[in-house]
């Protein structure tokens, strides 16, 4: 579908008035020839002036009721600070001396080997290219992966599998 430039097209030409609309427009022009008068909202002006006068009176009244000079706060001389800090005693850590000779014996059971072999699925993708990309990433880590293709009820899948382990 082609793009259209609606801005440069301009406006549609106005349709000519029919007799019916002409008579209505002329009737309206005759009635409303006077300019609309601007009315001043006198109530709002009166409220604003009253608020300003009230605020001015409030400022005038608190000027006369000011408290006498307040006493200056006493300056307290700070206690002299000692220039030298006391020397820290040398700390002796006991564990530094005791750990080198300390050994713990742990019983380690040998891991049983399983007779079962396991496969690990790393990922599954809809495209072969994505599966090959994942297989390459795994190959850079030193492991060998296989890609298995499967067709099922929900479509075609490419599975990336490691193993058997």
C-alpha atoms as a PDB file:
ATOM      1  CA  UNK A   1       0.000   0.000   0.000  1.00  0.00           C
ATOM      2  CA  UNK A   2       1.505   3.334  -0.999  1.00  0.00           C
ATOM      3  CA  UNK A   3       2.078   6.143   1.458  1.00  0.00           C
ATOM      4  CA  UNK A   4       0.039   9.320   1.034  1.00  0.00           C
ATOM      5  CA  UNK A   5       1.005  12.824   2.027  1.00  0.00           C
ATOM      6  CA  UNK A   6      -2.103  14.298   3.586  1.00  0.00           C
ATOM      7  CA  UNK A   7      -0.392  17.483   4.789  1.00  0.00           C
ATOM      8  CA  UNK A   8       0.664  18.917   1.428  1.00  0.00           C
ATOM      9  CA  UNK A   9      -2.684  18.041  -0.101  1.00  0.00           C
ATOM     10  CA  UNK A  10      -4.308  21.052   1.544  1.00  0.00           C
ATOM     11  CA  UNK A  11      -7.882  21.480   2.640  1.00  0.00           C
ATOM     12  CA  UNK A  12     -10.915  20.487   0.657  1.00  0.00           C
ATOM     13  CA  UNK A  13     -12.749  23.418  -0.960  1.00  0.00           C
ATOM     14  CA  UNK A  14     -15.793  24.575   0.952  1.00  0.00           C
ATOM     15  CA  UNK A  15     -19.146  23.713  -0.527  1.00  0.00           C
ATOM     16  CA  UNK A  16     -21.388  26.536  -1.625  1.00  0.00           C
ATOM     17  CA  UNK A  17     -24.200  27.359   0.749  1.00  0.00           C
ATOM     18  CA  UNK A  18     -27.670  26.348  -0.239  1.00  0.00           C
ATOM     19  CA  UNK A  19     -30.610  28.707   0.163  1.00  0.00           C
ATOM     20  CA  UNK A  20     -31.570  27.150   3.442  1.00  0.00           C
ATOM     21  CA  UNK A  21     -28.163  27.707   5.058  1.00  0.00           C
ATOM     22  CA  UNK A  22     -27.806  31.190   3.537  1.00  0.00           C
ATOM     23  CA  UNK A  23     -30.960  32.415   5.158  1.00  0.00           C
ATOM     24  CA  UNK A  24     -29.890  31.004   8.527  1.00  0.00           C
ATOM     25  CA  UNK A  25     -26.439  32.623   8.334  1.00  0.00           C
ATOM     26  CA  UNK A  26     -27.812  36.048   7.369  1.00  0.00           C
ATOM     27  CA  UNK A  27     -30.339  35.896  10.187  1.00  0.00           C
ATOM     28  CA  UNK A  28     -27.586  35.174  12.679  1.00  0.00           C
ATOM     29  CA  UNK A  29     -25.378  37.987  11.423  1.00  0.00           C
ATOM     30  CA  UNK A  30     -28.150  40.517  11.817  1.00  0.00           C
ATOM     31  CA  UNK A  31     -28.835  39.587  15.423  1.00  0.00           C
ATOM     32  CA  UNK A  32     -25.221  39.391  16.603  1.00  0.00           C
ATOM     33  CA  UNK A  33     -23.723  42.526  15.104  1.00  0.00           C
ATOM     34  CA  UNK A  34     -22.826  43.894  18.513  1.00  0.00           C
ATOM     35  CA  UNK A  35     -19.495  42.865  20.014  1.00  0.00           C
ATOM     36  CA  UNK A  36     -19.809  40.675  23.089  1.00  0.00           C
ATOM     37  CA  UNK A  37     -19.214  42.682  26.241  1.00  0.00           C
ATOM     38  CA  UNK A  38     -16.509  41.607  28.627  1.00  0.00           C
ATOM     39  CA  UNK A  39     -17.900  41.260  32.119  1.00  0.00           C
ATOM     40  CA  UNK A  40     -15.618  41.667  35.098  1.00  0.00           C
ATOM     41  CA  UNK A  41     -16.104  39.104  37.863  1.00  0.00           C
ATOM     42  CA  UNK A  42     -16.597  41.679  40.633  1.00  0.00           C
ATOM     43  CA  UNK A  43     -16.980  39.074  43.355  1.00  0.00           C
ATOM     44  CA  UNK A  44     -13.585  37.538  42.591  1.00  0.00           C
ATOM     45  CA  UNK A  45     -11.904  40.951  42.452  1.00  0.00           C
ATOM     46  CA  UNK A  46     -13.458  41.919  45.803  1.00  0.00           C
ATOM     47  CA  UNK A  47     -12.277  38.684  47.458  1.00  0.00           C
ATOM     48  CA  UNK A  48      -8.710  39.135  46.169  1.00  0.00           C
ATOM     49  CA  UNK A  49      -8.557  42.767  47.349  1.00  0.00           C
ATOM     50  CA  UNK A  50      -9.937  41.769  50.771  1.00  0.00           C
ATOM     51  CA  UNK A  51      -7.308  39.041  51.111  1.00  0.00           C
ATOM     52  CA  UNK A  52      -4.499  41.446  50.193  1.00  0.00           C
ATOM     53  CA  UNK A  53      -5.722  44.047  52.697  1.00  0.00           C
ATOM     54  CA  UNK A  54      -6.039  41.382  55.403  1.00  0.00           C
ATOM     55  CA  UNK A  55      -2.497  40.178  54.776  1.00  0.00           C
ATOM     56  CA  UNK A  56      -1.140  43.755  54.892  1.00  0.00           C
ATOM     57  CA  UNK A  57      -2.964  44.382  58.217  1.00  0.00           C
ATOM     58  CA  UNK A  58      -1.532  41.117  59.623  1.00  0.00           C
ATOM     59  CA  UNK A  59       2.023  42.161  58.715  1.00  0.00           C
ATOM     60  CA  UNK A  60       1.451  45.615  60.252  1.00  0.00           C
ATOM     61  CA  UNK A  61       0.138  44.128  63.500  1.00  0.00           C
ATOM     62  CA  UNK A  62       2.999  41.678  64.059  1.00  0.00           C
ATOM     63  CA  UNK A  63       5.560  44.426  63.499  1.00  0.00           C
ATOM     64  CA  UNK A  64       4.456  46.220  66.682  1.00  0.00           C
ATOM     65  CA  UNK A  65       4.289  43.045  68.781  1.00  0.00           C
ATOM     66  CA  UNK A  66       7.884  41.956  68.178  1.00  0.00           C
ATOM     67  CA  UNK A  67       9.683  40.513  71.209  1.00  0.00           C
ATOM     68  CA  UNK A  68      12.500  42.557  72.726  1.00  0.00           C
ATOM     69  CA  UNK A  69      16.031  41.624  71.848  1.00  0.00           C
ATOM     70  CA  UNK A  70      16.721  38.064  72.800  1.00  0.00           C
ATOM     71  CA  UNK A  71      19.775  37.215  74.827  1.00  0.00           C
ATOM     72  CA  UNK A  72      22.739  36.066  72.840  1.00  0.00           C
ATOM     73  CA  UNK A  73      23.504  32.388  73.368  1.00  0.00           C
ATOM     74  CA  UNK A  74      26.487  31.783  75.548  1.00  0.00           C
ATOM     75  CA  UNK A  75      29.506  30.602  73.678  1.00  0.00           C
ATOM     76  CA  UNK A  76      31.020  27.550  75.248  1.00  0.00           C
ATOM     77  CA  UNK A  77      34.695  27.089  74.671  1.00  0.00           C
ATOM     78  CA  UNK A  78      35.421  23.595  73.461  1.00  0.00           C
ATOM     79  CA  UNK A  79      37.605  21.421  75.624  1.00  0.00           C
ATOM     80  CA  UNK A  80      41.186  21.271  74.435  1.00  0.00           C
ATOM     81  CA  UNK A  81      41.751  18.338  72.129  1.00  0.00           C
ATOM     82  CA  UNK A  82      44.720  16.141  72.834  1.00  0.00           C
ATOM     83  CA  UNK A  83      47.142  16.237  69.964  1.00  0.00           C
ATOM     84  CA  UNK A  84      48.494  12.750  70.471  1.00  0.00           C
ATOM     85  CA  UNK A  85      46.454   9.613  70.515  1.00  0.00           C
ATOM     86  CA  UNK A  86      47.513   6.879  72.882  1.00  0.00           C
ATOM     87  CA  UNK A  87      49.478   4.079  71.279  1.00  0.00           C
ATOM     88  CA  UNK A  88      47.484   1.008  70.462  1.00  0.00           C
ATOM     89  CA  UNK A  89      48.611  -2.142  72.177  1.00  0.00           C
ATOM     90  CA  UNK A  90      49.841  -4.861  69.892  1.00  0.00           C
ATOM     91  CA  UNK A  91      47.225  -7.527  69.486  1.00  0.00           C
ATOM     92  CA  UNK A  92      48.219 -11.121  69.442  1.00  0.00           C
ATOM     93  CA  UNK A  93      46.066 -13.428  67.431  1.00  0.00           C
ATOM     94  CA  UNK A  94      46.030 -16.945  68.727  1.00  0.00           C
ATOM     95  CA  UNK A  95      44.658 -18.589  65.623  1.00  0.00           C
ATOM     96  CA  UNK A  96      47.680 -17.541  63.545  1.00  0.00           C
ATOM     97  CA  UNK A  97      49.900 -19.704  65.703  1.00  0.00           C
ATOM     98  CA  UNK A  98      47.482 -22.594  66.227  1.00  0.00           C
ATOM     99  CA  UNK A  99      46.142 -23.117  62.683  1.00  0.00           C
ATOM    100  CA  UNK A 100      49.289 -24.392  60.925  1.00  0.00           C
ATOM    101  CA  UNK A 101      49.488 -27.404  63.234  1.00  0.00           C
ATOM    102  CA  UNK A 102      45.761 -28.076  63.234  1.00  0.00           C
ATOM    103  CA  UNK A 103      44.471 -30.784  60.925  1.00  0.00           C
ATOM    104  CA  UNK A 104      41.004 -32.205  60.576  1.00  0.00           C
ATOM    105  CA  UNK A 105      40.487 -35.694  59.299  1.00  0.00           C
ATOM    106  CA  UNK A 106      37.417 -36.163  57.152  1.00  0.00           C
ATOM    107  CA  UNK A 107      36.013 -39.464  56.066  1.00  0.00           C
ATOM    108  CA  UNK A 108      35.402 -39.360  52.345  1.00  0.00           C
ATOM    109  CA  UNK A 109      33.193 -42.069  50.967  1.00  0.00           C
ATOM    110  CA  UNK A 110      33.971 -43.150  47.450  1.00  0.00           C
ATOM    111  CA  UNK A 111      31.345 -42.183  44.947  1.00  0.00           C
ATOM    112  CA  UNK A 112      29.468 -45.114  43.596  1.00  0.00           C
ATOM    113  CA  UNK A 113      29.528 -45.519  39.859  1.00  0.00           C
ATOM    114  CA  UNK A 114      26.103 -45.758  38.324  1.00  0.00           C
ATOM    115  CA  UNK A 115      25.269 -48.389  35.753  1.00  0.00           C
ATOM    116  CA  UNK A 116      22.867 -46.016  34.026  1.00  0.00           C
ATOM    117  CA  UNK A 117      23.973 -43.664  31.285  1.00  0.00           C
ATOM    118  CA  UNK A 118      22.538 -40.172  31.109  1.00  0.00           C
ATOM    119  CA  UNK A 119      21.913 -37.684  28.320  1.00  0.00           C
ATOM    120  CA  UNK A 120      21.544 -33.988  29.049  1.00  0.00           C
ATOM    121  CA  UNK A 121      19.462 -31.788  26.770  1.00  0.00           C
ATOM    122  CA  UNK A 122      20.983 -28.308  26.646  1.00  0.00           C
ATOM    123  CA  UNK A 123      18.511 -26.600  24.344  1.00  0.00           C
ATOM    124  CA  UNK A 124      15.886 -27.102  21.669  1.00  0.00           C
ATOM    125  CA  UNK A 125      15.299 -24.893  18.644  1.00  0.00           C
ATOM    126  CA  UNK A 126      12.900 -24.612  15.721  1.00  0.00           C
ATOM    127  CA  UNK A 127      15.708 -24.086  13.169  1.00  0.00           C
ATOM    128  CA  UNK A 128      18.845 -26.092  12.455  1.00  0.00           C
ATOM    129  CA  UNK A 129      20.965 -22.919  12.283  1.00  0.00           C
ATOM    130  CA  UNK A 130      20.188 -21.996  15.893  1.00  0.00           C
ATOM    131  CA  UNK A 131      20.983 -25.537  17.029  1.00  0.00           C
ATOM    132  CA  UNK A 132      24.328 -25.450  15.181  1.00  0.00           C
ATOM    133  CA  UNK A 133      25.150 -22.133  16.841  1.00  0.00           C
ATOM    134  CA  UNK A 134      24.519 -23.599  20.312  1.00  0.00           C
ATOM    135  CA  UNK A 135      26.558 -26.697  19.429  1.00  0.00           C
ATOM    136  CA  UNK A 136      29.479 -24.421  18.437  1.00  0.00           C
ATOM    137  CA  UNK A 137      29.291 -22.562  21.777  1.00  0.00           C
ATOM    138  CA  UNK A 138      29.414 -25.871  23.624  1.00  0.00           C
ATOM    139  CA  UNK A 139      32.342 -27.043  21.464  1.00  0.00           C
ATOM    140  CA  UNK A 140      34.332 -23.941  22.479  1.00  0.00           C
ATOM    141  CA  UNK A 141      33.971 -25.113  26.083  1.00  0.00           C
ATOM    142  CA  UNK A 142      35.585 -28.434  25.234  1.00  0.00           C
ATOM    143  CA  UNK A 143      32.469 -30.619  25.148  1.00  0.00           C
ATOM    144  CA  UNK A 144      30.992 -32.548  22.265  1.00  0.00           C
ATOM    145  CA  UNK A 145      27.287 -32.076  21.586  1.00  0.00           C
ATOM    146  CA  UNK A 146      24.876 -33.811  19.255  1.00  0.00           C
ATOM    147  CA  UNK A 147      21.905 -32.400  17.370  1.00  0.00           C
ATOM    148  CA  UNK A 148      18.850 -34.623  17.163  1.00  0.00           C
ATOM    149  CA  UNK A 149      15.919 -33.884  14.888  1.00  0.00           C
ATOM    150  CA  UNK A 150      12.382 -34.735  16.008  1.00  0.00           C
ATOM    151  CA  UNK A 151       8.984 -34.285  14.390  1.00  0.00           C
ATOM    152  CA  UNK A 152       6.055 -34.214  16.747  1.00  0.00           C
ATOM    153  CA  UNK A 153       2.500 -33.008  17.077  1.00  0.00           C
ATOM    154  CA  UNK A 154       3.747 -29.502  17.932  1.00  0.00           C
ATOM    155  CA  UNK A 155       6.122 -29.171  14.987  1.00  0.00           C
ATOM    156  CA  UNK A 156       9.733 -29.755  14.056  1.00  0.00           C
ATOM    157  CA  UNK A 157      12.432 -29.446  16.769  1.00  0.00           C
ATOM    158  CA  UNK A 158      16.228 -29.609  16.770  1.00  0.00           C
ATOM    159  CA  UNK A 159      17.518 -30.711  20.183  1.00  0.00           C
ATOM    160  CA  UNK A 160      21.100 -30.086  21.357  1.00  0.00           C
ATOM    161  CA  UNK A 161      22.198 -32.980  23.592  1.00  0.00           C
ATOM    162  CA  UNK A 162      25.320 -33.680  25.666  1.00  0.00           C
ATOM    163  CA  UNK A 163      26.335 -37.140  26.694  1.00  0.00           C
ATOM    164  CA  UNK A 164      26.132 -39.973  27.372  1.00  0.00           C
ATOM    165  CA  UNK A 165      27.557 -39.554  30.848  1.00  0.00           C
END
